[in-house]
């Protein structure tokens, strides 16, 4: 019984400290040629969302497309907005470095 409680405690402890990472790219249909060129970073898949499908209050917060957004535990934690050239400047290595900062 003690072993079972110990194992359950360890598993709960690992789950309690685990963070959930989500990467979301938001882009407009007219700018689809400038989508980011990677589909995952460190095993975290990049989800895609169309700006046109978002509610008005969310659209108002997006200043340029595409934008890559990192959510940690459901909270917006970092973003890489497009520059004047309408391309997202984020590289896979840069995104991985930011994710690693949140993991530590």
PDB file of N, CA and C in Angstrom:
ATOM      1  N   UNK A   1       0.822  -1.190   0.000  1.00  0.00           N
ATOM      2  CA  UNK A   1       0.000   0.000   0.000  1.00  0.00           C
ATOM      3  C   UNK A   1       0.870   1.260   0.000  1.00  0.00           C
ATOM      4  N   UNK A   2       1.971   1.226   0.749  1.00  0.00           N
ATOM      5  CA  UNK A   2       2.854   2.386   0.795  1.00  0.00           C
ATOM      6  C   UNK A   2       3.455   2.664  -0.572  1.00  0.00           C
ATOM      7  N   UNK A   3       3.798   1.575  -1.300  1.00  0.00           N
ATOM      8  CA  UNK A   3       4.371   1.743  -2.635  1.00  0.00           C
ATOM      9  C   UNK A   3       3.359   2.377  -3.575  1.00  0.00           C
ATOM     10  N   UNK A   4       2.105   1.957  -3.468  1.00  0.00           N
ATOM     11  CA  UNK A   4       1.053   2.500  -4.316  1.00  0.00           C
ATOM     12  C   UNK A   4       0.867   3.988  -4.038  1.00  0.00           C
ATOM     13  N   UNK A   5       0.875   4.374  -2.792  1.00  0.00           N
ATOM     14  CA  UNK A   5       0.727   5.790  -2.435  1.00  0.00           C
ATOM     15  C   UNK A   5       1.932   6.582  -2.936  1.00  0.00           C
ATOM     16  N   UNK A   6       3.123   6.023  -2.816  1.00  0.00           N
ATOM     17  CA  UNK A   6       4.332   6.691  -3.286  1.00  0.00           C
ATOM     18  C   UNK A   6       4.290   6.893  -4.801  1.00  0.00           C
ATOM     19  N   UNK A   7       3.898   5.858  -5.519  1.00  0.00           N
ATOM     20  CA  UNK A   7       3.816   5.953  -6.984  1.00  0.00           C
ATOM     21  C   UNK A   7       2.768   6.981  -7.387  1.00  0.00           C
ATOM     22  N   UNK A   8       1.618   6.944  -6.736  1.00  0.00           N
ATOM     23  CA  UNK A   8       0.561   7.917  -7.041  1.00  0.00           C
ATOM     24  C   UNK A   8       1.040   9.330  -6.754  1.00  0.00           C
ATOM     25  N   UNK A   9       1.759   9.513  -5.670  1.00  0.00           N
ATOM     26  CA  UNK A   9       2.292  10.827  -5.326  1.00  0.00           C
ATOM     27  C   UNK A   9       3.294  11.328  -6.352  1.00  0.00           C
ATOM     28  N   UNK A  10       4.156  10.442  -6.807  1.00  0.00           N
ATOM     29  CA  UNK A  10       5.135  10.820  -7.824  1.00  0.00           C
ATOM     30  C   UNK A  10       4.458  11.206  -9.134  1.00  0.00           C
ATOM     31  N   UNK A  11       3.494  10.401  -9.543  1.00  0.00           N
ATOM     32  CA  UNK A  11       2.783  10.701 -10.781  1.00  0.00           C
ATOM     33  C   UNK A  11       2.026  12.014 -10.676  1.00  0.00           C
ATOM     34  N   UNK A  12       1.385  12.249  -9.551  1.00  0.00           N
ATOM     35  CA  UNK A  12       0.659  13.506  -9.358  1.00  0.00           C
ATOM     36  C   UNK A  12       1.635  14.679  -9.359  1.00  0.00           C
ATOM     37  N   UNK A  13       2.762  14.502  -8.709  1.00  0.00           N
ATOM     38  CA  UNK A  13       3.772  15.551  -8.657  1.00  0.00           C
ATOM     39  C   UNK A  13       4.304  15.892 -10.037  1.00  0.00           C
ATOM     40  N   UNK A  14       4.526  14.895 -10.869  1.00  0.00           N
ATOM     41  CA  UNK A  14       4.990  15.140 -12.227  1.00  0.00           C
ATOM     42  C   UNK A  14       3.931  15.847 -13.048  1.00  0.00           C
ATOM     43  N   UNK A  15       2.679  15.443 -12.882  1.00  0.00           N
ATOM     44  CA  UNK A  15       1.595  16.072 -13.619  1.00  0.00           C
ATOM     45  C   UNK A  15       1.359  17.497 -13.161  1.00  0.00           C
ATOM     46  N   UNK A  16       1.505  17.745 -11.872  1.00  0.00           N
ATOM     47  CA  UNK A  16       1.240  19.067 -11.331  1.00  0.00           C
ATOM     48  C   UNK A  16       2.252  20.088 -11.842  1.00  0.00           C
ATOM     49  N   UNK A  17       3.465  19.651 -12.156  1.00  0.00           N
ATOM     50  CA  UNK A  17       4.484  20.590 -12.615  1.00  0.00           C
ATOM     51  C   UNK A  17       4.633  20.599 -14.133  1.00  0.00           C
ATOM     52  N   UNK A  18       3.969  19.699 -14.834  1.00  0.00           N
ATOM     53  CA  UNK A  18       4.064  19.657 -16.294  1.00  0.00           C
ATOM     54  C   UNK A  18       3.357  20.876 -16.888  1.00  0.00           C
ATOM     55  N   UNK A  19       3.967  21.454 -17.907  1.00  0.00           N
ATOM     56  CA  UNK A  19       3.373  22.600 -18.576  1.00  0.00           C
ATOM     57  C   UNK A  19       2.849  22.168 -19.931  1.00  0.00           C
ATOM     58  N   UNK A  20       1.761  22.795 -20.351  1.00  0.00           N
ATOM     59  CA  UNK A  20       1.181  22.509 -21.652  1.00  0.00           C
ATOM     60  C   UNK A  20       1.551  23.647 -22.589  1.00  0.00           C
ATOM     61  N   UNK A  21       2.184  23.296 -23.705  1.00  0.00           N
ATOM     62  CA  UNK A  21       2.606  24.282 -24.692  1.00  0.00           C
ATOM     63  C   UNK A  21       1.754  24.143 -25.945  1.00  0.00           C
ATOM     64  N   UNK A  22       1.319  25.278 -26.483  1.00  0.00           N
ATOM     65  CA  UNK A  22       0.599  25.309 -27.749  1.00  0.00           C
ATOM     66  C   UNK A  22       1.201  26.395 -28.624  1.00  0.00           C
ATOM     67  N   UNK A  23       1.405  26.075 -29.888  1.00  0.00           N
ATOM     68  CA  UNK A  23       1.856  27.044 -30.872  1.00  0.00           C
ATOM     69  C   UNK A  23       0.742  27.229 -31.889  1.00  0.00           C
ATOM     70  N   UNK A  24       0.369  28.481 -32.127  1.00  0.00           N
ATOM     71  CA  UNK A  24      -0.706  28.778 -33.068  1.00  0.00           C
ATOM     72  C   UNK A  24      -0.235  29.858 -34.032  1.00  0.00           C
ATOM     73  N   UNK A  25      -0.366  29.573 -35.326  1.00  0.00           N
ATOM     74  CA  UNK A  25      -0.103  30.601 -36.332  1.00  0.00           C
ATOM     75  C   UNK A  25      -1.438  31.146 -36.805  1.00  0.00           C
ATOM     76  N   UNK A  26      -1.553  32.448 -36.824  1.00  0.00           N
ATOM     77  CA  UNK A  26      -2.757  33.092 -37.347  1.00  0.00           C
ATOM     78  C   UNK A  26      -2.338  33.876 -38.583  1.00  0.00           C
ATOM     79  N   UNK A  27      -3.053  33.627 -39.669  1.00  0.00           N
ATOM     80  CA  UNK A  27      -2.748  34.298 -40.919  1.00  0.00           C
ATOM     81  C   UNK A  27      -4.048  34.575 -41.657  1.00  0.00           C
ATOM     82  N   UNK A  28      -3.988  35.520 -42.566  1.00  0.00           N
ATOM     83  CA  UNK A  28      -5.144  35.861 -43.397  1.00  0.00           C
ATOM     84  C   UNK A  28      -5.066  35.092 -44.712  1.00  0.00           C
ATOM     85  N   UNK A  29      -6.220  34.844 -45.305  1.00  0.00           N
ATOM     86  CA  UNK A  29      -6.249  34.118 -46.581  1.00  0.00           C
ATOM     87  C   UNK A  29      -5.414  34.812 -47.648  1.00  0.00           C
ATOM     88  N   UNK A  30      -5.488  36.128 -47.705  1.00  0.00           N
ATOM     89  CA  UNK A  30      -4.766  36.865 -48.739  1.00  0.00           C
ATOM     90  C   UNK A  30      -3.245  36.801 -48.559  1.00  0.00           C
ATOM     91  N   UNK A  31      -2.778  36.348 -47.383  1.00  0.00           N
ATOM     92  CA  UNK A  31      -1.346  36.284 -47.106  1.00  0.00           C
ATOM     93  C   UNK A  31      -0.862  34.847 -46.913  1.00  0.00           C
ATOM     94  N   UNK A  32      -1.605  33.878 -47.377  1.00  0.00           N
ATOM     95  CA  UNK A  32      -1.272  32.474 -47.127  1.00  0.00           C
ATOM     96  C   UNK A  32       0.079  32.064 -47.719  1.00  0.00           C
ATOM     97  N   UNK A  33       0.554  32.775 -48.727  1.00  0.00           N
ATOM     98  CA  UNK A  33       1.866  32.437 -49.297  1.00  0.00           C
ATOM     99  C   UNK A  33       2.999  32.694 -48.300  1.00  0.00           C
ATOM    100  N   UNK A  34       2.722  33.447 -47.237  1.00  0.00           N
ATOM    101  CA  UNK A  34       3.736  33.755 -46.232  1.00  0.00           C
ATOM    102  C   UNK A  34       3.555  32.963 -44.934  1.00  0.00           C
ATOM    103  N   UNK A  35       2.900  31.800 -45.007  1.00  0.00           N
ATOM    104  CA  UNK A  35       2.807  30.942 -43.821  1.00  0.00           C
ATOM    105  C   UNK A  35       4.209  30.551 -43.367  1.00  0.00           C
ATOM    106  N   UNK A  36       4.358  30.275 -42.083  1.00  0.00           N
ATOM    107  CA  UNK A  36       5.657  29.813 -41.593  1.00  0.00           C
ATOM    108  C   UNK A  36       5.973  28.467 -42.230  1.00  0.00           C
ATOM    109  N   UNK A  37       7.241  28.143 -42.308  1.00  0.00           N
ATOM    110  CA  UNK A  37       7.643  26.955 -43.062  1.00  0.00           C
ATOM    111  C   UNK A  37       7.978  25.746 -42.200  1.00  0.00           C
ATOM    112  N   UNK A  38       7.512  25.722 -40.941  1.00  0.00           N
ATOM    113  CA  UNK A  38       7.701  24.530 -40.113  1.00  0.00           C
ATOM    114  C   UNK A  38       6.372  24.157 -39.478  1.00  0.00           C
ATOM    115  N   UNK A  39       6.205  22.859 -39.198  1.00  0.00           N
ATOM    116  CA  UNK A  39       4.916  22.366 -38.689  1.00  0.00           C
ATOM    117  C   UNK A  39       4.960  21.939 -37.230  1.00  0.00           C
ATOM    118  N   UNK A  40       6.171  21.867 -36.660  1.00  0.00           N
ATOM    119  CA  UNK A  40       6.309  21.521 -35.243  1.00  0.00           C
ATOM    120  C   UNK A  40       7.640  22.035 -34.724  1.00  0.00           C
ATOM    121  N   UNK A  41       7.680  22.232 -33.406  1.00  0.00           N
ATOM    122  CA  UNK A  41       8.911  22.646 -32.731  1.00  0.00           C
ATOM    123  C   UNK A  41       9.031  21.818 -31.460  1.00  0.00           C
ATOM    124  N   UNK A  42      10.116  21.105 -31.317  1.00  0.00           N
ATOM    125  CA  UNK A  42      10.355  20.261 -30.136  1.00  0.00           C
ATOM    126  C   UNK A  42       9.162  19.356 -29.822  1.00  0.00           C
ATOM    127  N   UNK A  43       8.558  18.807 -30.857  1.00  0.00           N
ATOM    128  CA  UNK A  43       7.428  17.902 -30.669  1.00  0.00           C
ATOM    129  C   UNK A  43       6.093  18.598 -30.450  1.00  0.00           C
ATOM    130  N   UNK A  44       6.084  19.921 -30.458  1.00  0.00           N
ATOM    131  CA  UNK A  44       4.837  20.685 -30.283  1.00  0.00           C
ATOM    132  C   UNK A  44       4.341  21.071 -31.670  1.00  0.00           C
ATOM    133  N   UNK A  45       3.180  20.557 -32.072  1.00  0.00           N
ATOM    134  CA  UNK A  45       2.688  20.886 -33.415  1.00  0.00           C
ATOM    135  C   UNK A  45       2.237  22.343 -33.501  1.00  0.00           C
ATOM    136  N   UNK A  46       2.415  22.928 -34.681  1.00  0.00           N
ATOM    137  CA  UNK A  46       1.923  24.279 -34.932  1.00  0.00           C
ATOM    138  C   UNK A  46       0.492  24.147 -35.455  1.00  0.00           C
ATOM    139  N   UNK A  47      -0.425  24.768 -34.751  1.00  0.00           N
ATOM    140  CA  UNK A  47      -1.828  24.780 -35.191  1.00  0.00           C
ATOM    141  C   UNK A  47      -2.041  26.030 -36.035  1.00  0.00           C
ATOM    142  N   UNK A  48      -2.909  25.924 -37.010  1.00  0.00           N
ATOM    143  CA  UNK A  48      -3.154  27.033 -37.910  1.00  0.00           C
ATOM    144  C   UNK A  48      -4.570  27.553 -37.723  1.00  0.00           C
ATOM    145  N   UNK A  49      -4.714  28.882 -37.737  1.00  0.00           N
ATOM    146  CA  UNK A  49      -6.026  29.512 -37.627  1.00  0.00           C
ATOM    147  C   UNK A  49      -6.111  30.631 -38.653  1.00  0.00           C
ATOM    148  N   UNK A  50      -7.266  30.746 -39.249  1.00  0.00           N
ATOM    149  CA  UNK A  50      -7.506  31.820 -40.219  1.00  0.00           C
ATOM    150  C   UNK A  50      -7.985  33.057 -39.474  1.00  0.00           C
ATOM    151  N   UNK A  51      -7.411  34.200 -39.787  1.00  0.00           N
ATOM    152  CA  UNK A  51      -7.829  35.455 -39.161  1.00  0.00           C
ATOM    153  C   UNK A  51      -9.312  35.708 -39.420  1.00  0.00           C
ATOM    154  N   UNK A  52      -9.764  35.348 -40.608  1.00  0.00           N
ATOM    155  CA  UNK A  52     -11.161  35.590 -40.989  1.00  0.00           C
ATOM    156  C   UNK A  52     -12.150  34.815 -40.115  1.00  0.00           C
ATOM    157  N   UNK A  53     -11.714  33.726 -39.484  1.00  0.00           N
ATOM    158  CA  UNK A  53     -12.595  32.901 -38.658  1.00  0.00           C
ATOM    159  C   UNK A  53     -12.644  33.344 -37.197  1.00  0.00           C
ATOM    160  N   UNK A  54     -11.875  34.354 -36.836  1.00  0.00           N
ATOM    161  CA  UNK A  54     -11.769  34.754 -35.433  1.00  0.00           C
ATOM    162  C   UNK A  54     -12.842  35.783 -35.085  1.00  0.00           C
ATOM    163  N   UNK A  55     -13.245  35.830 -33.807  1.00  0.00           N
ATOM    164  CA  UNK A  55     -14.240  36.829 -33.384  1.00  0.00           C
ATOM    165  C   UNK A  55     -13.654  38.247 -33.481  1.00  0.00           C
ATOM    166  N   UNK A  56     -14.515  39.249 -33.640  1.00  0.00           N
ATOM    167  CA  UNK A  56     -14.048  40.629 -33.816  1.00  0.00           C
ATOM    168  C   UNK A  56     -13.111  41.124 -32.715  1.00  0.00           C
ATOM    169  N   UNK A  57     -13.397  40.772 -31.460  1.00  0.00           N
ATOM    170  CA  UNK A  57     -12.536  41.263 -30.375  1.00  0.00           C
ATOM    171  C   UNK A  57     -11.125  40.675 -30.467  1.00  0.00           C
ATOM    172  N   UNK A  58     -11.003  39.450 -30.990  1.00  0.00           N
ATOM    173  CA  UNK A  58      -9.687  38.847 -31.159  1.00  0.00           C
ATOM    174  C   UNK A  58      -8.975  39.434 -32.375  1.00  0.00           C
ATOM    175  N   UNK A  59      -9.726  39.630 -33.463  1.00  0.00           N
ATOM    176  CA  UNK A  59      -9.146  40.227 -34.674  1.00  0.00           C
ATOM    177  C   UNK A  59      -8.525  41.583 -34.364  1.00  0.00           C
ATOM    178  N   UNK A  60      -9.189  42.340 -33.495  1.00  0.00           N
ATOM    179  CA  UNK A  60      -8.708  43.686 -33.164  1.00  0.00           C
ATOM    180  C   UNK A  60      -7.351  43.659 -32.467  1.00  0.00           C
ATOM    181  N   UNK A  61      -6.991  42.533 -31.847  1.00  0.00           N
ATOM    182  CA  UNK A  61      -5.701  42.451 -31.154  1.00  0.00           C
ATOM    183  C   UNK A  61      -4.558  42.058 -32.079  1.00  0.00           C
ATOM    184  N   UNK A  62      -4.876  41.560 -33.257  1.00  0.00           N
ATOM    185  CA  UNK A  62      -3.854  41.135 -34.227  1.00  0.00           C
ATOM    186  C   UNK A  62      -3.486  42.340 -35.083  1.00  0.00           C
ATOM    187  N   UNK A  63      -2.236  42.759 -34.985  1.00  0.00           N
ATOM    188  CA  UNK A  63      -1.791  43.953 -35.706  1.00  0.00           C
ATOM    189  C   UNK A  63      -1.142  43.632 -37.045  1.00  0.00           C
ATOM    190  N   UNK A  64      -0.579  42.431 -37.187  1.00  0.00           N
ATOM    191  CA  UNK A  64       0.020  42.027 -38.458  1.00  0.00           C
ATOM    192  C   UNK A  64      -0.050  40.510 -38.571  1.00  0.00           C
ATOM    193  N   UNK A  65      -0.117  40.049 -39.813  1.00  0.00           N
ATOM    194  CA  UNK A  65      -0.173  38.611 -40.068  1.00  0.00           C
ATOM    195  C   UNK A  65       0.946  38.233 -41.014  1.00  0.00           C
ATOM    196  N   UNK A  66       1.456  37.020 -40.910  1.00  0.00           N
ATOM    197  CA  UNK A  66       1.110  36.018 -39.912  1.00  0.00           C
ATOM    198  C   UNK A  66       1.745  36.355 -38.561  1.00  0.00           C
ATOM    199  N   UNK A  67       1.159  35.784 -37.544  1.00  0.00           N
ATOM    200  CA  UNK A  67       1.718  35.895 -36.200  1.00  0.00           C
ATOM    201  C   UNK A  67       1.772  34.485 -35.621  1.00  0.00           C
ATOM    202  N   UNK A  68       2.872  34.169 -34.989  1.00  0.00           N
ATOM    203  CA  UNK A  68       3.016  32.884 -34.302  1.00  0.00           C
ATOM    204  C   UNK A  68       2.901  33.167 -32.817  1.00  0.00           C
ATOM    205  N   UNK A  69       2.013  32.452 -32.141  1.00  0.00           N
ATOM    206  CA  UNK A  69       1.739  32.699 -30.729  1.00  0.00           C
ATOM    207  C   UNK A  69       2.052  31.443 -29.925  1.00  0.00           C
ATOM    208  N   UNK A  70       2.780  31.631 -28.831  1.00  0.00           N
ATOM    209  CA  UNK A  70       3.070  30.544 -27.898  1.00  0.00           C
ATOM    210  C   UNK A  70       2.176  30.709 -26.684  1.00  0.00           C
ATOM    211  N   UNK A  71       1.391  29.680 -26.413  1.00  0.00           N
ATOM    212  CA  UNK A  71       0.572  29.627 -25.200  1.00  0.00           C
ATOM    213  C   UNK A  71       1.216  28.628 -24.248  1.00  0.00           C
ATOM    214  N   UNK A  72       1.386  29.032 -23.003  1.00  0.00           N
ATOM    215  CA  UNK A  72       1.876  28.136 -21.960  1.00  0.00           C
ATOM    216  C   UNK A  72       0.755  28.013 -20.936  1.00  0.00           C
ATOM    217  N   UNK A  73       0.267  26.789 -20.756  1.00  0.00           N
ATOM    218  CA  UNK A  73      -0.857  26.527 -19.856  1.00  0.00           C
ATOM    219  C   UNK A  73      -2.059  27.411 -20.178  1.00  0.00           C
ATOM    220  N   UNK A  74      -2.315  27.616 -21.474  1.00  0.00           N
ATOM    221  CA  UNK A  74      -3.499  28.354 -21.904  1.00  0.00           C
ATOM    222  C   UNK A  74      -3.353  29.868 -21.890  1.00  0.00           C
ATOM    223  N   UNK A  75      -2.189  30.374 -21.505  1.00  0.00           N
ATOM    224  CA  UNK A  75      -1.981  31.828 -21.446  1.00  0.00           C
ATOM    225  C   UNK A  75      -1.009  32.254 -22.531  1.00  0.00           C
ATOM    226  N   UNK A  76      -1.343  33.332 -23.220  1.00  0.00           N
ATOM    227  CA  UNK A  76      -0.443  33.863 -24.224  1.00  0.00           C
ATOM    228  C   UNK A  76       0.845  34.262 -23.524  1.00  0.00           C
ATOM    229  N   UNK A  77       1.955  33.666 -23.946  1.00  0.00           N
ATOM    230  CA  UNK A  77       3.224  33.898 -23.264  1.00  0.00           C
ATOM    231  C   UNK A  77       4.267  34.563 -24.148  1.00  0.00           C
ATOM    232  N   UNK A  78       4.150  34.406 -25.462  1.00  0.00           N
ATOM    233  CA  UNK A  78       5.129  34.980 -26.365  1.00  0.00           C
ATOM    234  C   UNK A  78       4.522  35.012 -27.758  1.00  0.00           C
ATOM    235  N   UNK A  79       4.906  36.010 -28.548  1.00  0.00           N
ATOM    236  CA  UNK A  79       4.422  36.035 -29.936  1.00  0.00           C
ATOM    237  C   UNK A  79       5.501  36.584 -30.854  1.00  0.00           C
ATOM    238  N   UNK A  80       5.420  36.139 -32.088  1.00  0.00           N
ATOM    239  CA  UNK A  80       6.322  36.576 -33.143  1.00  0.00           C
ATOM    240  C   UNK A  80       5.464  37.161 -34.262  1.00  0.00           C
ATOM    241  N   UNK A  81       5.249  38.469 -34.271  1.00  0.00           N
ATOM    242  CA  UNK A  81       4.426  39.069 -35.332  1.00  0.00           C
ATOM    243  C   UNK A  81       5.230  39.279 -36.611  1.00  0.00           C
ATOM    244  N   UNK A  82       4.512  39.382 -37.708  1.00  0.00           N
ATOM    245  CA  UNK A  82       5.147  39.638 -38.997  1.00  0.00           C
ATOM    246  C   UNK A  82       5.709  41.049 -39.025  1.00  0.00           C
ATOM    247  N   UNK A  83       6.694  41.211 -39.886  1.00  0.00           N
ATOM    248  CA  UNK A  83       7.263  42.531 -40.096  1.00  0.00           C
ATOM    249  C   UNK A  83       6.574  43.230 -41.250  1.00  0.00           C
ATOM    250  N   UNK A  84       7.177  44.296 -41.709  1.00  0.00           N
ATOM    251  CA  UNK A  84       6.602  45.080 -42.798  1.00  0.00           C
ATOM    252  C   UNK A  84       6.516  44.275 -44.098  1.00  0.00           C
ATOM    253  N   UNK A  85       7.335  43.229 -44.201  1.00  0.00           N
ATOM    254  CA  UNK A  85       7.314  42.373 -45.392  1.00  0.00           C
ATOM    255  C   UNK A  85       6.212  41.313 -45.344  1.00  0.00           C
ATOM    256  N   UNK A  86       5.395  41.324 -44.279  1.00  0.00           N
ATOM    257  CA  UNK A  86       4.271  40.401 -44.088  1.00  0.00           C
ATOM    258  C   UNK A  86       4.716  38.948 -43.948  1.00  0.00           C
ATOM    259  N   UNK A  87       5.935  38.745 -43.435  1.00  0.00           N
ATOM    260  CA  UNK A  87       6.461  37.405 -43.168  1.00  0.00           C
ATOM    261  C   UNK A  87       6.813  37.321 -41.690  1.00  0.00           C
ATOM    262  N   UNK A  88       6.534  36.174 -41.104  1.00  0.00           N
ATOM    263  CA  UNK A  88       6.876  35.952 -39.700  1.00  0.00           C
ATOM    264  C   UNK A  88       8.379  35.684 -39.606  1.00  0.00           C
ATOM    265  N   UNK A  89       9.096  36.452 -38.796  1.00  0.00           N
ATOM    266  CA  UNK A  89      10.551  36.308 -38.734  1.00  0.00           C
ATOM    267  C   UNK A  89      11.036  35.130 -37.887  1.00  0.00           C
ATOM    268  N   UNK A  90      10.131  34.447 -37.212  1.00  0.00           N
ATOM    269  CA  UNK A  90      10.527  33.378 -36.285  1.00  0.00           C
ATOM    270  C   UNK A  90      11.145  32.199 -37.018  1.00  0.00           C
ATOM    271  N   UNK A  91      12.236  31.708 -36.463  1.00  0.00           N
ATOM    272  CA  UNK A  91      12.836  30.476 -36.964  1.00  0.00           C
ATOM    273  C   UNK A  91      12.517  29.355 -35.983  1.00  0.00           C
ATOM    274  N   UNK A  92      12.619  28.145 -36.456  1.00  0.00           N
ATOM    275  CA  UNK A  92      12.354  26.991 -35.595  1.00  0.00           C
ATOM    276  C   UNK A  92      13.291  26.997 -34.387  1.00  0.00           C
ATOM    277  N   UNK A  93      14.550  27.365 -34.586  1.00  0.00           N
ATOM    278  CA  UNK A  93      15.531  27.393 -33.502  1.00  0.00           C
ATOM    279  C   UNK A  93      15.199  28.477 -32.478  1.00  0.00           C
ATOM    280  N   UNK A  94      14.754  29.637 -32.945  1.00  0.00           N
ATOM    281  CA  UNK A  94      14.390  30.727 -32.041  1.00  0.00           C
ATOM    282  C   UNK A  94      13.181  30.341 -31.188  1.00  0.00           C
ATOM    283  N   UNK A  95      12.188  29.735 -31.818  1.00  0.00           N
ATOM    284  CA  UNK A  95      10.991  29.309 -31.087  1.00  0.00           C
ATOM    285  C   UNK A  95      11.365  28.247 -30.054  1.00  0.00           C
ATOM    286  N   UNK A  96      12.214  27.299 -30.437  1.00  0.00           N
ATOM    287  CA  UNK A  96      12.663  26.254 -29.509  1.00  0.00           C
ATOM    288  C   UNK A  96      13.389  26.865 -28.311  1.00  0.00           C
ATOM    289  N   UNK A  97      14.202  27.896 -28.549  1.00  0.00           N
ATOM    290  CA  UNK A  97      14.930  28.550 -27.458  1.00  0.00           C
ATOM    291  C   UNK A  97      13.966  29.210 -26.471  1.00  0.00           C
ATOM    292  N   UNK A  98      12.916  29.841 -26.979  1.00  0.00           N
ATOM    293  CA  UNK A  98      11.926  30.480 -26.099  1.00  0.00           C
ATOM    294  C   UNK A  98      11.167  29.416 -25.305  1.00  0.00           C
ATOM    295  N   UNK A  99      10.787  28.331 -25.963  1.00  0.00           N
ATOM    296  CA  UNK A  99      10.094  27.241 -25.263  1.00  0.00           C
ATOM    297  C   UNK A  99      10.977  26.689 -24.146  1.00  0.00           C
ATOM    298  N   UNK A 100      12.251  26.506 -24.431  1.00  0.00           N
ATOM    299  CA  UNK A 100      13.176  25.982 -23.407  1.00  0.00           C
ATOM    300  C   UNK A 100      13.297  26.931 -22.224  1.00  0.00           C
ATOM    301  N   UNK A 101      13.220  28.241 -22.456  1.00  0.00           N
ATOM    302  CA  UNK A 101      13.242  29.183 -21.334  1.00  0.00           C
ATOM    303  C   UNK A 101      12.037  28.986 -20.420  1.00  0.00           C
ATOM    304  N   UNK A 102      10.875  28.695 -21.012  1.00  0.00           N
ATOM    305  CA  UNK A 102       9.685  28.474 -20.198  1.00  0.00           C
ATOM    306  C   UNK A 102       9.733  27.127 -19.474  1.00  0.00           C
ATOM    307  N   UNK A 103      10.438  26.165 -20.052  1.00  0.00           N
ATOM    308  CA  UNK A 103      10.543  24.854 -19.416  1.00  0.00           C
ATOM    309  C   UNK A 103      11.445  24.898 -18.193  1.00  0.00           C
ATOM    310  N   UNK A 104      12.401  25.805 -18.165  1.00  0.00           N
ATOM    311  CA  UNK A 104      13.359  25.880 -17.046  1.00  0.00           C
ATOM    312  C   UNK A 104      12.970  26.857 -16.003  1.00  0.00           C
TER     313      UNK A 104
END
